[in-house]
C-alpha atoms as a PDB file:
ATOM      1  CA  MET A   1     140.504  72.353 152.143  1.00  0.00           C
ATOM      2  CA  ARG A   2     139.391  75.826 152.769  1.00  0.00           C
ATOM      3  CA  ASN A   3     136.927  76.853 155.664  1.00  0.00           C
ATOM      4  CA  PHE A   4     133.759  78.912 155.590  1.00  0.00           C
ATOM      5  CA  ALA A   5     133.077  81.401 158.117  1.00  0.00           C
ATOM      6  CA  VAL A   6     130.019  80.825 159.901  1.00  0.00           C
ATOM      7  CA  MET A   7     127.131  83.517 160.086  1.00  0.00           C
ATOM      8  CA  LYS A   8     125.784  83.941 163.511  1.00  0.00           C
ATOM      9  CA  LEU A   9     123.351  86.279 164.062  1.00  0.00           C
ATOM     10  CA  THR A  10     120.050  86.666 166.317  1.00  0.00           C
ATOM     11  CA  ALA A  11     116.978  87.687 165.646  1.00  0.00           C
ATOM     12  CA  GLN A  12     117.168  91.051 167.625  1.00  0.00           C
ATOM     13  CA  GLU A  13     120.086  92.170 166.301  1.00  0.00           C
ATOM     14  CA  ILE A  14     119.051  91.274 162.278  1.00  0.00           C
ATOM     15  CA  GLY A  15     115.731  93.046 163.492  1.00  0.00           C
ATOM     16  CA  LYS A  16     117.880  95.932 165.060  1.00  0.00           C
ATOM     17  CA  LYS A  17     120.146  96.106 161.739  1.00  0.00           C
ATOM     18  CA  TYR A  18     117.436  96.169 159.119  1.00  0.00           C
ATOM     19  CA  ASN A  19     114.528  97.746 161.211  1.00  0.00           C
ATOM     20  CA  GLY A  20     112.480  94.906 161.616  1.00  0.00           C
ATOM     21  CA  LYS A  21     110.125  94.142 164.091  1.00  0.00           C
ATOM     22  CA  VAL A  22     110.395  90.990 165.841  1.00  0.00           C
ATOM     23  CA  VAL A  23     107.807  88.509 166.213  1.00  0.00           C
ATOM     24  CA  GLY A  24     109.338  85.602 168.864  1.00  0.00           C
ATOM     25  CA  SER A  25     112.186  85.082 170.483  1.00  0.00           C
ATOM     26  CA  PRO A  26     114.318  87.924 169.740  1.00  0.00           C
ATOM     27  CA  SER A  27     117.701  85.633 171.295  1.00  0.00           C
ATOM     28  CA  VAL A  28     117.409  83.121 168.706  1.00  0.00           C
ATOM     29  CA  VAL A  29     120.296  82.471 166.548  1.00  0.00           C
ATOM     30  CA  ILE A  30     121.046  81.993 163.332  1.00  0.00           C
ATOM     31  CA  ASN A  31     124.158  80.438 161.768  1.00  0.00           C
ATOM     32  CA  GLN A  32     122.996  79.931 157.640  1.00  0.00           C
ATOM     33  CA  LEU A  33     120.682  81.037 155.232  1.00  0.00           C
ATOM     34  CA  ALA A  34     118.385  78.574 153.774  1.00  0.00           C
ATOM     35  CA  LYS A  35     115.185  78.381 151.017  1.00  0.00           C
ATOM     36  CA  ILE A  36     112.016  78.245 153.127  1.00  0.00           C
ATOM     37  CA  GLU A  37     110.886  74.840 152.053  1.00  0.00           C
ATOM     38  CA  SER A  38     113.922  73.172 152.599  1.00  0.00           C
ATOM     39  CA  ALA A  39     115.532  75.510 155.869  1.00  0.00           C
ATOM     40  CA  PRO A  40     116.265  73.474 158.571  1.00  0.00           C
ATOM     41  CA  LYS A  41     116.771  74.338 162.243  1.00  0.00           C
ATOM     42  CA  GLY A  42     119.285  77.588 162.886  1.00  0.00           C
ATOM     43  CA  SER A  43     118.912  78.912 159.350  1.00  0.00           C
ATOM     44  CA  LEU A  44     117.315  82.217 158.637  1.00  0.00           C
ATOM     45  CA  THR A  45     115.144  82.300 155.450  1.00  0.00           C
ATOM     46  CA  PHE A  46     112.259  84.822 153.371  1.00  0.00           C
ATOM     47  CA  LEU A  47     108.920  85.070 152.677  1.00  0.00           C
ATOM     48  CA  ALA A  48     108.291  87.533 149.528  1.00  0.00           C
ATOM     49  CA  ASN A  49     105.738  85.186 147.427  1.00  0.00           C
ATOM     50  CA  SER A  50     102.647  84.532 148.730  1.00  0.00           C
ATOM     51  CA  LYS A  51     102.671  80.674 146.862  1.00  0.00           C
ATOM     52  CA  TYR A  52     105.408  79.921 149.341  1.00  0.00           C
ATOM     53  CA  GLU A  53     102.914  80.887 152.467  1.00  0.00           C
ATOM     54  CA  PRO A  54     101.875  77.232 153.101  1.00  0.00           C
ATOM     55  CA  PHE A  55     105.755  76.726 154.090  1.00  0.00           C
ATOM     56  CA  LEU A  56     105.387  78.645 157.215  1.00  0.00           C
ATOM     57  CA  LYS A  57     103.336  76.471 159.256  1.00  0.00           C
ATOM     58  CA  THR A  58     106.002  73.359 158.112  1.00  0.00           C
ATOM     59  CA  THR A  59     109.401  75.311 157.848  1.00  0.00           C
ATOM     60  CA  GLN A  60     111.735  74.410 160.564  1.00  0.00           C
ATOM     61  CA  ALA A  61     113.663  77.713 159.846  1.00  0.00           C
ATOM     62  CA  SER A  62     114.653  79.732 163.299  1.00  0.00           C
ATOM     63  CA  ILE A  63     113.587  83.095 161.686  1.00  0.00           C
ATOM     64  CA  VAL A  64     111.613  83.835 158.542  1.00  0.00           C
ATOM     65  CA  LEU A  65     111.782  87.444 157.008  1.00  0.00           C
ATOM     66  CA  VAL A  66     107.678  88.750 156.344  1.00  0.00           C
ATOM     67  CA  ASN A  67     106.569  91.669 154.802  1.00  0.00           C
ATOM     68  CA  GLN A  68     103.806  92.050 157.001  1.00  0.00           C
ATOM     69  CA  LYS A  69     102.218  90.189 160.309  1.00  0.00           C
ATOM     70  CA  GLN A  70     101.559  86.107 159.503  1.00  0.00           C
ATOM     71  CA  LYS A  71      98.286  84.272 161.329  1.00  0.00           C
ATOM     72  CA  GLN A  72      99.815  81.267 160.679  1.00  0.00           C
ATOM     73  CA  PHE A  73     103.143  80.093 161.028  1.00  0.00           C
ATOM     74  CA  SER A  74     105.410  77.262 162.910  1.00  0.00           C
ATOM     75  CA  SER A  75     105.685  77.656 166.864  1.00  0.00           C
ATOM     76  CA  ASN A  76     109.668  77.544 166.538  1.00  0.00           C
ATOM     77  CA  THR A  77     109.708  80.265 164.241  1.00  0.00           C
ATOM     78  CA  THR A  78     110.362  83.853 165.111  1.00  0.00           C
ATOM     79  CA  LEU A  79     109.617  86.158 162.499  1.00  0.00           C
ATOM     80  CA  ILE A  80     110.816  89.664 161.539  1.00  0.00           C
ATOM     81  CA  GLU A  81     108.873  92.075 159.612  1.00  0.00           C
ATOM     82  CA  VAL A  82     111.161  94.384 157.740  1.00  0.00           C
ATOM     83  CA  GLU A  83     109.794  96.334 154.493  1.00  0.00           C
ATOM     84  CA  ASP A  84     111.373  94.484 152.574  1.00  0.00           C
ATOM     85  CA  PRO A  85     112.224  90.992 153.135  1.00  0.00           C
ATOM     86  CA  TYR A  86     113.652  89.504 149.489  1.00  0.00           C
ATOM     87  CA  LYS A  87     115.978  92.896 149.707  1.00  0.00           C
ATOM     88  CA  VAL A  88     116.950  92.075 153.210  1.00  0.00           C
ATOM     89  CA  PHE A  89     117.710  88.583 152.344  1.00  0.00           C
ATOM     90  CA  CYS A  90     119.927  89.162 149.933  1.00  0.00           C
ATOM     91  CA  GLN A  91     121.400  92.365 152.197  1.00  0.00           C
ATOM     92  CA  LEU A  92     122.506  89.485 154.504  1.00  0.00           C
ATOM     93  CA  LEU A  93     123.467  86.693 151.541  1.00  0.00           C
ATOM     94  CA  ILE A  94     125.871  89.258 150.436  1.00  0.00           C
ATOM     95  CA  GLU A  95     127.474  89.747 153.966  1.00  0.00           C
ATOM     96  CA  TRP A  96     128.112  86.117 154.593  1.00  0.00           C
ATOM     97  CA  ALA A  97     129.538  86.022 150.679  1.00  0.00           C
ATOM     98  CA  ASN A  98     132.092  88.435 151.312  1.00  0.00           C
ATOM     99  CA  GLN A  99     133.109  87.093 154.737  1.00  0.00           C
ATOM    100  CA  ASN A 100     134.013  83.406 152.980  1.00  0.00           C
ATOM    101  CA  LYS A 101     135.500  85.774 149.787  1.00  0.00           C
ATOM    102  CA  GLU A 102     138.587  83.949 148.753  1.00  0.00           C
ATOM    103  CA  ILE A 103     141.415  86.503 148.148  1.00  0.00           C
ATOM    104  CA  GLN A 104     143.977  85.767 146.024  1.00  0.00           C
ATOM    105  CA  SER A 105     147.039  88.089 145.085  1.00  0.00           C
ATOM    106  CA  GLY A 106     150.169  87.788 143.385  1.00  0.00           C
ATOM    107  CA  ILE A 107     151.908  86.957 140.067  1.00  0.00           C
ATOM    108  CA  HIS A 108     151.780  83.165 139.095  1.00  0.00           C
ATOM    109  CA  ARG A 109     155.228  82.247 137.917  1.00  0.00           C
ATOM    110  CA  THR A 110     153.460  80.679 134.871  1.00  0.00           C
ATOM    111  CA  ALA A 111     151.813  84.050 133.744  1.00  0.00           C
ATOM    112  CA  ILE A 112     153.056  86.032 130.727  1.00  0.00           C
ATOM    113  CA  ILE A 113     153.039  89.645 130.434  1.00  0.00           C
ATOM    114  CA  ASP A 114     154.752  92.350 128.465  1.00  0.00           C
ATOM    115  CA  ASP A 115     157.193  94.528 129.800  1.00  0.00           C
ATOM    116  CA  SER A 116     155.418  97.322 128.827  1.00  0.00           C
ATOM    117  CA  ALA A 117     152.377  96.692 130.588  1.00  0.00           C
ATOM    118  CA  LYS A 118     151.379  98.445 133.810  1.00  0.00           C
ATOM    119  CA  ILE A 119     150.370  96.608 136.727  1.00  0.00           C
ATOM    120  CA  GLU A 120     149.109  98.719 140.443  1.00  0.00           C
ATOM    121  CA  GLY A 121     149.375  97.240 144.046  1.00  0.00           C
ATOM    122  CA  ASN A 122     147.112  94.369 145.116  1.00  0.00           C
ATOM    123  CA  VAL A 123     146.681  92.850 141.926  1.00  0.00           C
ATOM    124  CA  TYR A 124     146.083  88.872 141.348  1.00  0.00           C
ATOM    125  CA  VAL A 125     147.036  87.460 137.756  1.00  0.00           C
ATOM    126  CA  GLY A 126     146.551  83.469 137.579  1.00  0.00           C
ATOM    127  CA  PRO A 127     148.381  80.811 136.179  1.00  0.00           C
ATOM    128  CA  PHE A 128     149.181  81.321 132.305  1.00  0.00           C
ATOM    129  CA  VAL A 129     147.447  84.264 131.771  1.00  0.00           C
ATOM    130  CA  TYR A 130     148.771  86.474 128.831  1.00  0.00           C
ATOM    131  CA  ILE A 131     149.030  89.937 129.279  1.00  0.00           C
ATOM    132  CA  GLY A 132     149.947  92.530 126.181  1.00  0.00           C
ATOM    133  CA  GLU A 133     152.165  95.303 125.503  1.00  0.00           C
ATOM    134  CA  ASN A 134     150.353  98.817 127.018  1.00  0.00           C
ATOM    135  CA  CYS A 135     148.327  97.161 129.035  1.00  0.00           C
ATOM    136  CA  LYS A 136     146.977  99.280 132.423  1.00  0.00           C
ATOM    137  CA  ILE A 137     145.989  97.024 135.083  1.00  0.00           C
ATOM    138  CA  HIS A 138     144.554  99.523 138.091  1.00  0.00           C
ATOM    139  CA  GLU A 139     144.702  97.857 141.890  1.00  0.00           C
ATOM    140  CA  ASN A 140     142.912  95.315 143.706  1.00  0.00           C
ATOM    141  CA  VAL A 141     142.129  93.705 140.367  1.00  0.00           C
ATOM    142  CA  SER A 142     141.631  89.825 140.156  1.00  0.00           C
ATOM    143  CA  ILE A 143     142.585  87.839 136.475  1.00  0.00           C
ATOM    144  CA  GLY A 144     141.547  84.162 135.984  1.00  0.00           C
ATOM    145  CA  ALA A 145     143.395  81.096 134.879  1.00  0.00           C
ATOM    146  CA  TYR A 146     144.151  81.203 131.141  1.00  0.00           C
ATOM    147  CA  SER A 147     142.970  84.626 130.278  1.00  0.00           C
ATOM    148  CA  TYR A 148     144.018  86.290 127.664  1.00  0.00           C
ATOM    149  CA  LEU A 149     144.645  90.298 127.322  1.00  0.00           C
ATOM    150  CA  GLY A 150     145.682  91.765 124.049  1.00  0.00           C
ATOM    151  CA  ASN A 151     147.327  94.784 123.477  1.00  0.00           C
ATOM    152  CA  ASP A 152     146.488  98.445 125.007  1.00  0.00           C
ATOM    153  CA  VAL A 153     143.670  96.952 127.292  1.00  0.00           C
ATOM    154  CA  HIS A 154     142.515  98.750 130.565  1.00  0.00           C
ATOM    155  CA  ILE A 155     141.240  97.248 133.584  1.00  0.00           C
ATOM    156  CA  GLY A 156     139.712  99.152 136.142  1.00  0.00           C
ATOM    157  CA  LYS A 157     140.318  99.337 139.928  1.00  0.00           C
ATOM    158  CA  GLY A 158     138.732  96.489 141.917  1.00  0.00           C
ATOM    159  CA  SER A 159     137.255  94.726 138.526  1.00  0.00           C
ATOM    160  CA  VAL A 160     137.415  90.395 138.538  1.00  0.00           C
ATOM    161  CA  ILE A 161     138.277  88.806 135.579  1.00  0.00           C
ATOM    162  CA  HIS A 162     137.054  84.965 135.931  1.00  0.00           C
ATOM    163  CA  GLN A 163     139.194  82.065 134.090  1.00  0.00           C
ATOM    164  CA  ARG A 164     139.421  81.809 130.358  1.00  0.00           C
ATOM    165  CA  VAL A 165     138.351  85.573 129.669  1.00  0.00           C
ATOM    166  CA  THR A 166     139.333  86.891 126.737  1.00  0.00           C
ATOM    167  CA  LEU A 167     139.737  90.599 126.404  1.00  0.00           C
ATOM    168  CA  LEU A 168     141.132  91.560 122.489  1.00  0.00           C
ATOM    169  CA  LYS A 169     143.182  94.960 121.830  1.00  0.00           C
ATOM    170  CA  GLY A 170     141.975  98.310 122.983  1.00  0.00           C
ATOM    171  CA  THR A 171     139.125  97.059 125.214  1.00  0.00           C
ATOM    172  CA  GLN A 172     138.759  99.091 128.274  1.00  0.00           C
ATOM    173  CA  ILE A 173     137.200  97.754 131.148  1.00  0.00           C
ATOM    174  CA  GLY A 174     135.536 100.024 134.111  1.00  0.00           C
ATOM    175  CA  ASN A 175     135.594  99.730 138.229  1.00  0.00           C
ATOM    176  CA  GLU A 176     134.441  96.743 140.162  1.00  0.00           C
ATOM    177  CA  CYS A 177     133.157  95.162 136.842  1.00  0.00           C
ATOM    178  CA  ILE A 178     132.694  91.413 136.986  1.00  0.00           C
ATOM    179  CA  LEU A 179     133.619  89.079 133.644  1.00  0.00           C
ATOM    180  CA  HIS A 180     132.636  85.530 134.044  1.00  0.00           C
ATOM    181  CA  SER A 181     134.191  82.483 132.670  1.00  0.00           C
ATOM    182  CA  GLY A 182     134.361  82.485 128.927  1.00  0.00           C
ATOM    183  CA  VAL A 183     133.154  86.011 127.943  1.00  0.00           C
ATOM    184  CA  VAL A 184     134.763  87.407 124.836  1.00  0.00           C
ATOM    185  CA  ILE A 185     135.159  91.082 124.745  1.00  0.00           C
ATOM    186  CA  GLY A 186     136.560  93.055 121.429  1.00  0.00           C
ATOM    187  CA  SER A 187     135.800  90.125 118.616  1.00  0.00           C
ATOM    188  CA  ASP A 188     135.557  91.237 115.008  1.00  0.00           C
ATOM    189  CA  GLY A 189     131.861  93.054 114.266  1.00  0.00           C
ATOM    190  CA  PHE A 190     129.942  91.319 111.827  1.00  0.00           C
ATOM    191  CA  GLY A 191     130.655  93.293 108.720  1.00  0.00           C
ATOM    192  CA  PHE A 192     130.400  91.975 104.869  1.00  0.00           C
ATOM    193  CA  VAL A 193     130.015  93.396 101.608  1.00  0.00           C
ATOM    194  CA  ALA A 194     128.125  91.550  99.356  1.00  0.00           C
ATOM    195  CA  GLN A 195     129.815  90.750  96.101  1.00  0.00           C
ATOM    196  CA  GLY A 196     126.840  89.006  93.906  1.00  0.00           C
ATOM    197  CA  LYS A 197     128.571  85.211  93.230  1.00  0.00           C
ATOM    198  CA  ASP A 198     131.981  85.956  94.752  1.00  0.00           C
ATOM    199  CA  THR A 199     132.799  85.489  98.298  1.00  0.00           C
ATOM    200  CA  ALA A 200     131.784  88.520 100.592  1.00  0.00           C
ATOM    201  CA  ILE A 201     134.302  90.796 101.337  1.00  0.00           C
ATOM    202  CA  LYS A 202     135.125  91.291 104.983  1.00  0.00           C
ATOM    203  CA  ILE A 203     134.670  95.234 106.260  1.00  0.00           C
ATOM    204  CA  PRO A 204     137.444  95.865 108.723  1.00  0.00           C
ATOM    205  CA  GLN A 205     136.547  96.380 112.170  1.00  0.00           C
ATOM    206  CA  VAL A 206     138.860  99.214 113.717  1.00  0.00           C
ATOM    207  CA  GLY A 207     137.005 100.227 116.717  1.00  0.00           C
ATOM    208  CA  ASN A 208     136.677  98.765 120.455  1.00  0.00           C
ATOM    209  CA  VAL A 209     134.438  98.002 123.333  1.00  0.00           C
ATOM    210  CA  ILE A 210     134.020 100.098 126.355  1.00  0.00           C
ATOM    211  CA  LEU A 211     132.483  98.765 129.205  1.00  0.00           C
ATOM    212  CA  GLY A 212     131.505 101.395 132.778  1.00  0.00           C
ATOM    213  CA  ASP A 213     131.475 101.279 136.211  1.00  0.00           C
ATOM    214  CA  LYS A 214     130.147  97.912 138.298  1.00  0.00           C
ATOM    215  CA  VAL A 215     129.084  96.122 134.245  1.00  0.00           C
ATOM    216  CA  GLU A 216     128.682  92.628 134.992  1.00  0.00           C
ATOM    217  CA  ILE A 217     128.840  90.148 131.817  1.00  0.00           C
ATOM    218  CA  GLY A 218     127.771  86.459 132.482  1.00  0.00           C
ATOM    219  CA  ALA A 219     129.702  83.403 131.404  1.00  0.00           C
ATOM    220  CA  ASN A 220     130.267  82.628 127.496  1.00  0.00           C
ATOM    221  CA  SER A 221     128.841  86.380 126.267  1.00  0.00           C
ATOM    222  CA  THR A 222     129.891  88.298 123.410  1.00  0.00           C
ATOM    223  CA  ILE A 223     130.730  91.825 122.757  1.00  0.00           C
ATOM    224  CA  ASP A 224     131.742  92.969 119.466  1.00  0.00           C
ATOM    225  CA  ARG A 225     134.111  95.761 118.708  1.00  0.00           C
ATOM    226  CA  ALA A 226     133.223  98.407 117.049  1.00  0.00           C
ATOM    227  CA  THR A 227     133.677  99.066 113.045  1.00  0.00           C
ATOM    228  CA  LEU A 228     134.697 102.510 113.988  1.00  0.00           C
ATOM    229  CA  GLY A 229     134.145 104.479 117.485  1.00  0.00           C
ATOM    230  CA  ASN A 230     132.918 102.219 120.130  1.00  0.00           C
ATOM    231  CA  THR A 231     130.734  99.920 121.432  1.00  0.00           C
ATOM    232  CA  ILE A 232     129.526 100.769 124.984  1.00  0.00           C
ATOM    233  CA  LEU A 233     128.071  99.465 127.964  1.00  0.00           C
ATOM    234  CA  HIS A 234     127.217 102.182 130.377  1.00  0.00           C
ATOM    235  CA  ASP A 235     127.862 101.707 134.035  1.00  0.00           C
ATOM    236  CA  GLY A 236     125.722  99.256 135.853  1.00  0.00           C
ATOM    237  CA  VAL A 237     124.894  97.191 132.754  1.00  0.00           C
ATOM    238  CA  LYS A 238     124.310  93.688 133.581  1.00  0.00           C
ATOM    239  CA  LEU A 239     123.930  90.630 130.954  1.00  0.00           C
ATOM    240  CA  ASP A 240     123.404  87.363 131.690  1.00  0.00           C
ATOM    241  CA  ASN A 241     125.269  84.005 130.052  1.00  0.00           C
ATOM    242  CA  LEU A 242     124.916  83.948 126.234  1.00  0.00           C
ATOM    243  CA  VAL A 243     124.150  87.178 125.203  1.00  0.00           C
ATOM    244  CA  GLN A 244     125.416  88.375 121.644  1.00  0.00           C
ATOM    245  CA  ILE A 245     126.717  92.248 121.658  1.00  0.00           C
ATOM    246  CA  ALA A 246     127.058  93.616 118.250  1.00  0.00           C
ATOM    247  CA  HIS A 247     129.255  96.685 116.722  1.00  0.00           C
ATOM    248  CA  ASN A 248     128.697 100.008 117.880  1.00  0.00           C
ATOM    249  CA  VAL A 249     125.616  99.183 120.025  1.00  0.00           C
ATOM    250  CA  GLU A 250     125.302 101.085 122.865  1.00  0.00           C
ATOM    251  CA  ILE A 251     123.644 100.392 126.395  1.00  0.00           C
ATOM    252  CA  GLY A 252     122.652 102.671 128.838  1.00  0.00           C
ATOM    253  CA  PRO A 253     122.900 102.724 132.352  1.00  0.00           C
ATOM    254  CA  ARG A 254     121.481  99.865 134.621  1.00  0.00           C
ATOM    255  CA  THR A 255     120.032  98.179 131.776  1.00  0.00           C
ATOM    256  CA  LEU A 256     119.194  94.126 132.072  1.00  0.00           C
ATOM    257  CA  ILE A 257     119.563  91.664 129.566  1.00  0.00           C
ATOM    258  CA  ALA A 258     118.627  87.799 130.136  1.00  0.00           C
ATOM    259  CA  ALA A 259     120.096  85.186 128.364  1.00  0.00           C
ATOM    260  CA  GLN A 260     120.426  84.054 124.974  1.00  0.00           C
ATOM    261  CA  SER A 261     119.339  87.569 123.763  1.00  0.00           C
ATOM    262  CA  GLY A 262     121.046  89.376 121.012  1.00  0.00           C
ATOM    263  CA  ILE A 263     121.329  92.828 119.540  1.00  0.00           C
ATOM    264  CA  ALA A 264     122.192  93.524 116.338  1.00  0.00           C
ATOM    265  CA  GLY A 265     124.863  96.387 115.331  1.00  0.00           C
ATOM    266  CA  SER A 266     124.942  99.952 115.542  1.00  0.00           C
ATOM    267  CA  THR A 267     121.208 100.014 118.173  1.00  0.00           C
ATOM    268  CA  LYS A 268     121.084 102.012 120.765  1.00  0.00           C
ATOM    269  CA  ILE A 269     118.705 101.174 124.254  1.00  0.00           C
ATOM    270  CA  GLY A 270     118.238 103.302 127.037  1.00  0.00           C
ATOM    271  CA  SER A 271     118.719 103.285 130.801  1.00  0.00           C
ATOM    272  CA  ASP A 272     116.731 101.419 133.164  1.00  0.00           C
ATOM    273  CA  CYS A 273     115.872  98.351 130.745  1.00  0.00           C
ATOM    274  CA  VAL A 274     114.642  94.620 131.130  1.00  0.00           C
ATOM    275  CA  ILE A 275     115.334  92.661 128.440  1.00  0.00           C
ATOM    276  CA  GLY A 276     114.163  89.070 129.059  1.00  0.00           C
ATOM    277  CA  GLY A 277     115.288  85.617 127.448  1.00  0.00           C
ATOM    278  CA  GLN A 278     115.795  84.644 123.907  1.00  0.00           C
ATOM    279  CA  VAL A 279     115.181  88.118 122.355  1.00  0.00           C
ATOM    280  CA  GLY A 280     116.070  89.346 119.350  1.00  0.00           C
ATOM    281  CA  ILE A 281     116.536  93.040 118.353  1.00  0.00           C
ATOM    282  CA  ILE A 282     117.206  93.980 114.784  1.00  0.00           C
ATOM    283  CA  GLY A 283     120.134  96.609 113.940  1.00  0.00           C
ATOM    284  CA  HIS A 284     119.991 100.479 113.648  1.00  0.00           C
ATOM    285  CA  LEU A 285     117.155 100.676 116.189  1.00  0.00           C
ATOM    286  CA  LYS A 286     116.474 103.319 118.956  1.00  0.00           C
ATOM    287  CA  LEU A 287     115.157 102.050 122.235  1.00  0.00           C
ATOM    288  CA  GLY A 288     113.966 104.379 124.835  1.00  0.00           C
ATOM    289  CA  ASP A 289     114.603 104.587 128.910  1.00  0.00           C
ATOM    290  CA  ASN A 290     112.504 102.309 131.425  1.00  0.00           C
ATOM    291  CA  ILE A 291     111.286  99.879 128.481  1.00  0.00           C
ATOM    292  CA  LYS A 292     110.466  96.410 129.377  1.00  0.00           C
ATOM    293  CA  ILE A 293     110.434  93.412 126.636  1.00  0.00           C
ATOM    294  CA  GLN A 294     108.882  90.202 127.606  1.00  0.00           C
ATOM    295  CA  GLY A 295     111.098  86.748 126.737  1.00  0.00           C
ATOM    296  CA  GLN A 296     111.116  85.638 123.253  1.00  0.00           C
ATOM    297  CA  THR A 297     109.972  88.818 121.540  1.00  0.00           C
ATOM    298  CA  GLY A 298     111.470  90.063 118.209  1.00  0.00           C
ATOM    299  CA  VAL A 299     112.169  93.579 118.103  1.00  0.00           C
ATOM    300  CA  ILE A 300     112.492  95.107 114.490  1.00  0.00           C
ATOM    301  CA  ASN A 301     110.768  98.748 115.211  1.00  0.00           C
ATOM    302  CA  ASN A 302     112.047 101.828 117.471  1.00  0.00           C
ATOM    303  CA  VAL A 303     110.502 101.422 121.206  1.00  0.00           C
ATOM    304  CA  PRO A 304     109.327 104.480 123.373  1.00  0.00           C
ATOM    305  CA  SER A 305     110.533 105.076 126.562  1.00  0.00           C
ATOM    306  CA  GLY A 306     108.260 103.429 129.145  1.00  0.00           C
ATOM    307  CA  SER A 307     107.105 100.577 127.100  1.00  0.00           C
ATOM    308  CA  THR A 308     106.100  97.358 127.327  1.00  0.00           C
ATOM    309  CA  ILE A 309     105.984  94.554 124.739  1.00  0.00           C
ATOM    310  CA  GLN A 310     106.556  90.982 123.653  1.00  0.00           C
ATOM    311  CA  GLY A 311     105.801  88.793 120.929  1.00  0.00           C
ATOM    312  CA  THR A 312     106.928  88.690 117.121  1.00  0.00           C
ATOM    313  CA  PRO A 313     107.208  91.758 115.697  1.00  0.00           C
ATOM    314  CA  GLY A 314     106.897  92.987 119.942  1.00  0.00           C
ATOM    315  CA  PHE A 315     104.180  95.172 120.311  1.00  0.00           C
ATOM    316  CA  ASP A 316     102.312  96.211 123.497  1.00  0.00           C
ATOM    317  CA  PHE A 317     101.687  93.729 125.611  1.00  0.00           C
ATOM    318  CA  ARG A 318      98.202  94.021 126.493  1.00  0.00           C
ATOM    319  CA  SER A 319      97.362  93.708 123.113  1.00  0.00           C
ATOM    320  CA  PHE A 320      99.604  90.805 122.769  1.00  0.00           C
ATOM    321  CA  TYR A 321      97.692  88.701 125.317  1.00  0.00           C
ATOM    322  CA  LYS A 322      93.968  89.914 123.746  1.00  0.00           C
ATOM    323  CA  SER A 323      95.598  88.873 120.308  1.00  0.00           C
ATOM    324  CA  TYR A 324      96.721  85.429 122.168  1.00  0.00           C
ATOM    325  CA  THR A 325      93.257  84.782 123.377  1.00  0.00           C
ATOM    326  CA  VAL A 326      92.031  84.786 119.773  1.00  0.00           C
ATOM    327  CA  PHE A 327      94.819  82.687 118.232  1.00  0.00           C
ATOM    328  CA  LYS A 328      94.750  79.990 120.468  1.00  0.00           C
ATOM    329  CA  ASN A 329      91.634  79.585 119.550  1.00  0.00           C
ATOM    330  CA  LEU A 330      91.765  79.851 115.747  1.00  0.00           C
ATOM    331  CA  PRO A 331      91.771  76.075 115.596  1.00  0.00           C
ATOM    332  CA  GLU A 332      87.819  75.440 117.144  1.00  0.00           C
ATOM    333  CA  LEU A 333      86.626  78.599 115.240  1.00  0.00           C
ATOM    334  CA  LYS A 334      88.073  77.239 112.003  1.00  0.00           C
ATOM    335  CA  ASN A 335      85.863  74.187 112.445  1.00  0.00           C
ATOM    336  CA  LYS A 336      82.860  76.138 113.561  1.00  0.00           C
ATOM    337  CA  VAL A 337      83.295  77.931 110.225  1.00  0.00           C
ATOM    338  CA  GLU A 338      83.643  74.840 107.981  1.00  0.00           C
ATOM    339  CA  ARG A 339      80.722  73.445 109.883  1.00  0.00           C
ATOM    340  CA  VAL A 340      78.615  76.312 109.037  1.00  0.00           C
ATOM    341  CA  GLU A 341      79.598  76.585 105.517  1.00  0.00           C
ATOM    342  CA  LYS A 342      78.465  72.313 105.398  1.00  0.00           C
ATOM    343  CA  ASN A 343      75.026  72.941 106.323  1.00  0.00           C
ATOM    344  CA  MET A 344      74.806  75.841 104.619  1.00  0.00           C
ATOM    345  CA  LYS A 345      75.673  73.677 101.375  1.00  0.00           C
ATOM    346  CA  LEU A 346      73.378  70.832 102.638  1.00  0.00           C
END
């Protein structure tokens, strides 16, 4: 059994580190992080959403991070006023997680590694991993059990490949990337030529996939190799679980995509976009920078930078909500029209 490090910080230490103002006892000590509604004594929590404000009266947490002075709170609770409570809480959570990060190194005896592969120092290769010809694994990389690396795969320093990840021929992974279990990168793009009544002819997919630095791919997501050239995810792109990225798609830096979304071939997406869950985007489109796409939207047209869209087909979200107000009242409106027509006939 692995023992976890215990977090021990005083309110005064936290306030000093994150430029916060302590309201209450500066010497109170916390040893864990918790949600405000279930936080026990000795824990730290945060308040960033006003709907959780009633819990300030009942929480057993010893410290609560807040963004402004609160008039009502538990008499046993110390507040720390900071600019962004959620951000500070996340930083503390990262600090605690890093203290408890499991460090693995070495190459397991069951791993199969081609003689031509180059592996730098401090790399972990787990049980039953396969590493093909001419692969290059940079320092501080971790590769989980049962993962498969085809020929000519490159992985940048500090990247983490979790269990049962498949990286097919020519895939290039940047520095400090995280690939969760079940990810498949470099499978064939969906390309066929219809032949009337005959079986469609498969178009060879001979490109590859390139991931920039600090890209994170959620469990069971798939990224297809390009037909020609590259499928590219630039630095800082984050994909949730169960996301499909088709051949020759390009996604700009720091764009976020939630679960069950799919992007069809050759579509280009700009930087700093936020794409909700279950969004479908057809192929060969161009989406600008700083776009927000609400969940379950269907995108069939190019989208200019700075837009927020919703609906199927997607259009301006303000217009969508106005239209929805009308749409949901259509049954009642229909009944009124039918009554008017009936009265007119009488």
